[in-house]
Amino acid sequence: MKLDDVSFAGIIENLHDGFYLTDRNRVITYWNKAVERMSGFSAAEVVGRSCMHNILTHVDGEGRNRLSYG
């Protein structure tokens, strides 16, 4: 069975887990409903903005800010 783009998009949008995508510059390109609930930010507020604009804080296993050291 092959999923078409519409089916795949529906599955991703309705996951119970937060799911978002960024481009290589860490600009948010996709934000699903679950991550809206988890973060408090709507997709309209964050898509097109950089993760570095206090939207997300990426940390490594030791709690260091991942975006600050590459």
C-alpha atoms as a PDB file:
ATOM      1  CA  MET A   1       0.000   0.000   0.000  1.00  0.00           C
ATOM      2  CA  LYS A   2       1.305   3.424  -0.913  1.00  0.00           C
ATOM      3  CA  LEU A   3       0.101   6.494   0.967  1.00  0.00           C
ATOM      4  CA  ASP A   4      -0.539   9.569  -1.092  1.00  0.00           C
ATOM      5  CA  ASP A   5       0.534  12.999   0.136  1.00  0.00           C
ATOM      6  CA  VAL A   6      -2.954  13.865   1.394  1.00  0.00           C
ATOM      7  CA  SER A   7      -3.190  10.709   3.537  1.00  0.00           C
ATOM      8  CA  PHE A   8       0.320  11.205   4.900  1.00  0.00           C
ATOM      9  CA  ALA A   9      -0.415  14.833   5.801  1.00  0.00           C
ATOM     10  CA  GLY A  10      -3.590  13.787   7.619  1.00  0.00           C
ATOM     11  CA  ILE A  11      -1.719  11.184   9.638  1.00  0.00           C
ATOM     12  CA  ILE A  12       1.024  13.614  10.657  1.00  0.00           C
ATOM     13  CA  GLU A  13      -1.446  16.369  11.523  1.00  0.00           C
ATOM     14  CA  ASN A  14      -3.449  14.069  13.791  1.00  0.00           C
ATOM     15  CA  LEU A  15      -0.607  12.404  15.697  1.00  0.00           C
ATOM     16  CA  HIS A  16      -0.874  12.507  19.471  1.00  0.00           C
ATOM     17  CA  ASP A  17       2.843  13.321  19.574  1.00  0.00           C
ATOM     18  CA  GLY A  18       4.193  16.768  18.830  1.00  0.00           C
ATOM     19  CA  PHE A  19       5.784  16.894  15.372  1.00  0.00           C
ATOM     20  CA  TYR A  20       7.473  19.801  13.661  1.00  0.00           C
ATOM     21  CA  LEU A  21       9.934  20.289  10.823  1.00  0.00           C
ATOM     22  CA  THR A  22      12.616  22.872  10.218  1.00  0.00           C
ATOM     23  CA  ASP A  23      14.763  23.723   7.255  1.00  0.00           C
ATOM     24  CA  ARG A  24      18.568  23.752   7.354  1.00  0.00           C
ATOM     25  CA  ASN A  25      18.536  27.231   8.873  1.00  0.00           C
ATOM     26  CA  ARG A  26      16.281  26.034  11.718  1.00  0.00           C
ATOM     27  CA  VAL A  27      13.300  27.965  10.397  1.00  0.00           C
ATOM     28  CA  ILE A  28      10.094  26.140  11.299  1.00  0.00           C
ATOM     29  CA  THR A  29       8.297  24.833   8.207  1.00  0.00           C
ATOM     30  CA  TYR A  30       5.656  22.589   9.805  1.00  0.00           C
ATOM     31  CA  TRP A  31       3.943  22.460  13.227  1.00  0.00           C
ATOM     32  CA  ASN A  32       1.199  19.912  13.998  1.00  0.00           C
ATOM     33  CA  LYS A  33      -1.796  20.165  16.330  1.00  0.00           C
ATOM     34  CA  ALA A  34      -0.168  18.152  19.125  1.00  0.00           C
ATOM     35  CA  VAL A  35       2.849  20.460  19.300  1.00  0.00           C
ATOM     36  CA  GLU A  36       0.414  23.387  19.341  1.00  0.00           C
ATOM     37  CA  ARG A  37      -1.190  21.913  22.473  1.00  0.00           C
ATOM     38  CA  MET A  38       2.191  21.106  24.052  1.00  0.00           C
ATOM     39  CA  SER A  39       3.841  24.447  23.360  1.00  0.00           C
ATOM     40  CA  GLY A  40       0.941  26.861  23.467  1.00  0.00           C
ATOM     41  CA  PHE A  41       1.990  28.300  20.086  1.00  0.00           C
ATOM     42  CA  SER A  42      -0.246  27.918  17.033  1.00  0.00           C
ATOM     43  CA  ALA A  43       1.193  26.951  13.661  1.00  0.00           C
ATOM     44  CA  ALA A  44       0.281  30.417  12.380  1.00  0.00           C
ATOM     45  CA  GLU A  45       2.482  31.949  15.082  1.00  0.00           C
ATOM     46  CA  VAL A  46       5.590  29.873  14.434  1.00  0.00           C
ATOM     47  CA  VAL A  47       5.783  28.634  10.830  1.00  0.00           C
ATOM     48  CA  GLY A  48       8.335  30.793   9.055  1.00  0.00           C
ATOM     49  CA  ARG A  49      10.097  31.806  12.286  1.00  0.00           C
ATOM     50  CA  SER A  50      13.432  30.595  13.559  1.00  0.00           C
ATOM     51  CA  CYS A  51      13.583  28.178  16.497  1.00  0.00           C
ATOM     52  CA  MET A  52      15.989  30.651  18.077  1.00  0.00           C
ATOM     53  CA  HIS A  53      13.199  33.214  18.600  1.00  0.00           C
ATOM     54  CA  ASN A  54      12.352  31.774  22.031  1.00  0.00           C
ATOM     55  CA  ILE A  55       9.923  29.291  20.493  1.00  0.00           C
ATOM     56  CA  LEU A  56      11.880  26.133  21.246  1.00  0.00           C
ATOM     57  CA  THR A  57      14.877  25.421  23.390  1.00  0.00           C
ATOM     58  CA  HIS A  58      16.858  22.486  22.064  1.00  0.00           C
ATOM     59  CA  VAL A  59      19.116  20.924  24.670  1.00  0.00           C
ATOM     60  CA  ASP A  60      21.449  17.967  24.579  1.00  0.00           C
ATOM     61  CA  GLY A  61      21.535  15.091  27.076  1.00  0.00           C
ATOM     62  CA  GLU A  62      23.436  17.250  29.560  1.00  0.00           C
ATOM     63  CA  GLY A  63      21.018  20.177  29.407  1.00  0.00           C
ATOM     64  CA  ARG A  64      23.277  22.434  27.296  1.00  0.00           C
ATOM     65  CA  ASN A  65      21.544  24.696  24.777  1.00  0.00           C
ATOM     66  CA  ARG A  66      22.097  22.888  21.491  1.00  0.00           C
ATOM     67  CA  LEU A  67      21.565  25.917  19.254  1.00  0.00           C
ATOM     68  CA  SER A  68      24.312  27.929  20.929  1.00  0.00           C
ATOM     69  CA  TYR A  69      27.206  25.644  20.050  1.00  0.00           C
ATOM     70  CA  GLY A  70      26.411  24.453  16.587  1.00  0.00           C
END
